[in-house]
Amino acid sequence: MERISLLLDKIKELNNVPTKAVIEIDLMLDYTRVIYADLLEWRSKLSFSEAVSSGKSEETEPFTPPVDAVVPPEETTDIAAPAIELENTSSHYESAASAEHFDLSLLSKPSRNADMREMIGVNDKYAFISELFGNNKAAYEDVVSEINTFETEEEAITWLAHSVFQQFGWKEESEAVQSFYKLLREFFMPNQ
C-alpha cells in the first residue's frame, strides 16, 4: 500500500509539470501499470484470505477488468532517454497490468519467467532504448518480444549476434550491452 501512495504522489508531481513531454506521460503510464498490478495482487491476497477464513476453497474465477478499463497499448514513438534518476521500480508487473498484452500460453512455461519485460525496470528500459536501439522504442519492443519466444539463452544469444548486434552497432564492451546480457541470462534462469 505504501508503494501505491508513493507512485500516486509521483504521478501527481508529473501531472503538475507545466509543459509535459512524452517522457512524463510514459512515466505516468508505467507508474499506473505498477499501481494496477499491485492492486490486482492485493485483491488476490484479500480474496484468498477471505476464502481461507470462510472455509471455502479458492474456486472463483480470476478478476478480468472490464473492456473500458484495459490500458491501451502505448504509441510507438522515438524518444530520447531521460537524464533523471528515479527509484528503480521493477516493472515485473508491466505485462500483467495490460490485459491486451497478456498471453495465457506463456503460463505453460514454468521453468522461467514468461516475459523479459517483467525484469526490466523503467530506468533500464529507457537506457536500453536510447543506448542500444537508437531511441527506437518499436525496435526495442520487437527484440524483447522475439527473445520471449526462445527456449534457451543460447538460442537468444545466437539470434542477437546474427540479427541485432550489427544492425544497431552494439559493442561487446558497452556497459548497456553487458547489462542487457545480464538480464537475458537471468531471464533464462529457471524460477526458484
Protein backbone atom coordinates (compact mmCIF):
# COMPACT_ATOMS: atom_id res chain seq x y z
CA MET A 1 0.00 0.00 0.00
CA GLU A 2 2.92 2.31 0.72
CA ARG A 3 4.26 1.90 -2.83
CA ILE A 4 0.84 2.76 -4.26
CA SER A 5 0.77 6.02 -2.29
CA LEU A 6 4.31 6.84 -3.37
CA LEU A 7 3.53 6.19 -7.03
CA LEU A 8 0.33 8.23 -6.86
CA ASP A 9 2.38 11.12 -5.46
CA LYS A 10 4.88 10.76 -8.31
CA ILE A 11 2.04 10.78 -10.86
CA LYS A 12 0.66 13.96 -9.25
CA GLU A 13 4.11 15.59 -9.45
CA LEU A 14 4.48 14.67 -13.11
CA ASN A 15 0.96 15.88 -13.81
CA ASN A 16 1.80 19.28 -12.30
CA VAL A 17 4.70 19.85 -14.72
CA PRO A 18 3.63 22.92 -16.75
CA THR A 19 4.66 21.59 -20.18
CA LYS A 20 4.52 17.86 -20.45
CA ALA A 21 6.84 15.89 -22.71
CA VAL A 22 6.36 12.35 -23.93
CA ILE A 23 8.67 11.07 -21.19
CA GLU A 24 6.43 12.41 -18.41
CA ILE A 25 3.41 10.72 -19.98
CA ASP A 26 5.36 7.46 -20.43
CA LEU A 27 6.46 7.57 -16.78
CA MET A 28 2.87 8.16 -15.64
CA LEU A 29 1.77 5.17 -17.77
CA ASP A 30 4.48 2.97 -16.26
CA TYR A 31 3.60 4.06 -12.72
CA THR A 32 -0.08 3.42 -13.47
CA ARG A 33 0.71 -0.12 -14.65
CA VAL A 34 2.62 -0.85 -11.45
CA ILE A 35 -0.23 0.54 -9.34
CA TYR A 36 -2.74 -1.55 -11.31
CA ALA A 37 -0.71 -4.72 -10.85
CA ASP A 38 -0.21 -4.01 -7.12
CA LEU A 39 -3.95 -3.55 -6.69
CA LEU A 40 -4.66 -6.82 -8.52
CA GLU A 41 -2.15 -8.62 -6.29
CA TRP A 42 -3.63 -7.01 -3.19
CA ARG A 43 -7.15 -8.00 -4.30
CA SER A 44 -5.99 -11.55 -4.93
CA LYS A 45 -4.46 -11.81 -1.46
CA LEU A 46 -7.63 -10.47 0.14
CA SER A 47 -9.80 -12.89 -1.83
CA PHE A 48 -7.58 -15.77 -0.78
CA SER A 49 -7.63 -14.77 2.92
CA GLU A 50 -11.40 -14.33 2.81
CA ALA A 51 -11.78 -17.77 1.23
CA VAL A 52 -9.48 -19.34 3.84
CA SER A 53 -11.25 -17.65 6.76
CA SER A 54 -14.67 -18.67 5.47
CA GLY A 55 -13.52 -22.25 4.83
CA LYS A 56 -14.29 -22.11 1.10
CA SER A 57 -11.82 -23.31 -1.46
CA GLU A 58 -10.50 -20.77 -3.93
CA GLU A 59 -12.62 -21.70 -6.93
CA THR A 60 -13.61 -18.24 -8.03
CA GLU A 61 -12.68 -17.07 -11.49
CA PRO A 62 -9.78 -14.64 -11.72
CA PHE A 63 -10.60 -10.97 -11.95
CA THR A 64 -10.94 -9.71 -15.52
CA PRO A 65 -11.10 -5.94 -15.88
CA PRO A 66 -13.94 -4.51 -17.94
CA VAL A 67 -13.02 -3.76 -21.54
CA ASP A 68 -13.11 0.00 -20.96
CA ALA A 69 -10.64 -0.37 -18.05
CA VAL A 70 -7.93 -2.03 -20.12
CA VAL A 71 -4.84 0.10 -20.57
CA PRO A 72 -4.45 0.89 -24.29
CA PRO A 73 -1.16 -0.04 -25.93
CA GLU A 74 1.48 2.65 -25.91
CA GLU A 75 2.11 4.64 -29.04
CA THR A 76 5.40 3.78 -30.64
CA THR A 77 7.35 6.98 -30.90
CA ASP A 78 11.04 7.61 -30.93
CA ILE A 79 12.06 9.36 -27.73
CA ALA A 80 15.28 10.24 -26.01
CA ALA A 81 16.07 8.58 -22.70
CA PRO A 82 15.61 10.89 -19.73
CA ALA A 83 18.63 12.03 -17.78
CA ILE A 84 16.81 11.73 -14.47
CA GLU A 85 17.33 9.27 -11.68
CA LEU A 86 14.20 7.51 -10.48
CA GLU A 87 13.54 4.88 -7.90
CA ASN A 88 14.14 1.54 -9.59
CA THR A 89 10.55 0.38 -9.65
CA SER A 90 10.58 -3.10 -11.03
CA SER A 91 8.33 -3.38 -14.00
CA HIS A 92 7.74 -7.07 -13.48
CA TYR A 93 4.07 -6.11 -13.19
CA GLU A 94 4.06 -4.34 -16.53
CA SER A 95 2.66 -7.14 -18.70
CA ALA A 96 0.19 -8.31 -16.07
CA ALA A 97 -1.25 -4.80 -15.91
CA SER A 98 -2.21 -4.76 -19.55
CA ALA A 99 -4.73 -7.45 -20.44
CA GLU A 100 -4.15 -6.79 -24.14
CA HIS A 101 -0.52 -7.86 -23.80
CA PHE A 102 -1.08 -10.89 -21.58
CA ASP A 103 -0.67 -14.21 -23.39
CA LEU A 104 -2.08 -17.17 -21.47
CA SER A 105 0.09 -19.62 -23.44
CA LEU A 106 3.10 -18.20 -21.60
CA LEU A 107 1.77 -19.73 -18.38
CA SER A 108 2.69 -23.18 -19.65
CA LYS A 109 6.43 -22.40 -19.30
CA PRO A 110 7.02 -22.62 -15.54
CA SER A 111 10.79 -23.12 -15.88
CA ARG A 112 11.46 -19.41 -16.44
CA ASN A 113 9.82 -16.00 -16.48
CA ALA A 114 7.18 -15.55 -19.15
CA ASP A 115 8.19 -12.09 -20.38
CA MET A 116 11.60 -10.46 -20.22
CA ARG A 117 9.86 -7.07 -19.81
CA GLU A 118 8.93 -8.15 -16.29
CA MET A 119 12.61 -8.00 -15.33
CA ILE A 120 13.44 -4.61 -16.86
CA GLY A 121 12.99 -1.55 -14.66
CA VAL A 122 11.85 1.81 -16.04
CA ASN A 123 15.35 3.32 -15.96
CA ASP A 124 16.89 0.29 -17.69
CA LYS A 125 14.15 0.28 -20.31
CA TYR A 126 14.83 3.86 -21.35
CA ALA A 127 18.60 3.35 -21.18
CA PHE A 128 18.30 0.31 -23.49
CA ILE A 129 16.02 2.17 -25.91
CA SER A 130 18.44 5.09 -26.02
CA GLU A 131 21.82 3.35 -25.98
CA LEU A 132 21.11 0.04 -27.71
CA PHE A 133 18.25 0.79 -30.09
CA GLY A 134 18.97 4.37 -31.21
CA ASN A 135 15.83 5.73 -29.49
CA ASN A 136 13.66 3.32 -31.48
CA LYS A 137 11.10 2.05 -28.96
CA ALA A 138 9.42 -0.21 -31.53
CA ALA A 139 12.74 -1.97 -32.26
CA TYR A 140 13.29 -2.49 -28.52
CA GLU A 141 9.80 -3.98 -28.14
CA ASP A 142 10.30 -6.24 -31.19
CA VAL A 143 13.63 -7.55 -29.89
CA VAL A 144 12.29 -8.26 -26.39
CA SER A 145 9.21 -9.96 -27.87
CA GLU A 146 11.43 -12.14 -30.05
CA ILE A 147 13.63 -13.06 -27.06
CA ASN A 148 10.49 -14.20 -25.23
CA THR A 149 9.92 -16.83 -27.94
CA PHE A 150 13.24 -18.62 -27.45
CA GLU A 151 13.50 -21.68 -25.24
CA THR A 152 17.17 -21.27 -24.28
CA GLU A 153 19.65 -18.50 -23.61
CA GLU A 154 21.94 -19.88 -26.33
CA GLU A 155 19.20 -19.54 -28.97
CA ALA A 156 18.56 -15.95 -27.94
CA ILE A 157 22.27 -15.02 -27.92
CA THR A 158 22.78 -16.59 -31.36
CA TRP A 159 19.80 -14.70 -32.74
CA LEU A 160 21.01 -11.41 -31.20
CA ALA A 161 24.50 -11.94 -32.66
CA HIS A 162 23.14 -12.54 -36.17
CA SER A 163 20.16 -10.18 -36.25
CA VAL A 164 20.62 -7.33 -33.81
CA PHE A 165 24.29 -6.74 -32.96
CA GLN A 166 25.36 -5.29 -36.31
CA GLN A 167 22.04 -3.65 -37.13
CA PHE A 168 22.33 -1.38 -34.08
CA GLY A 169 26.12 -1.30 -33.84
CA TRP A 170 26.35 -2.92 -30.41
CA LYS A 171 29.82 -3.12 -28.88
CA GLU A 172 30.52 -6.14 -26.66
CA GLU A 173 32.36 -3.99 -24.10
CA SER A 174 29.47 -1.49 -23.79
CA GLU A 175 28.02 -1.26 -20.30
CA ALA A 176 24.48 -1.20 -21.74
CA VAL A 177 25.15 -4.37 -23.77
CA GLN A 178 26.61 -6.11 -20.71
CA SER A 179 23.60 -5.06 -18.64
CA PHE A 180 21.21 -6.34 -21.33
CA TYR A 181 23.02 -9.69 -21.45
CA LYS A 182 22.96 -9.95 -17.66
CA LEU A 183 19.17 -9.53 -17.71
CA LEU A 184 18.97 -12.03 -20.57
CA ARG A 185 20.92 -14.59 -18.50
CA GLU A 186 18.63 -14.01 -15.50
CA PHE A 187 15.57 -14.29 -17.74
CA PHE A 188 16.52 -17.79 -18.85
CA MET A 189 17.41 -18.97 -15.34
CA PRO A 190 14.75 -21.34 -14.01
CA ASN A 191 12.46 -19.82 -11.37
CA GLN A 192 13.46 -20.91 -7.91
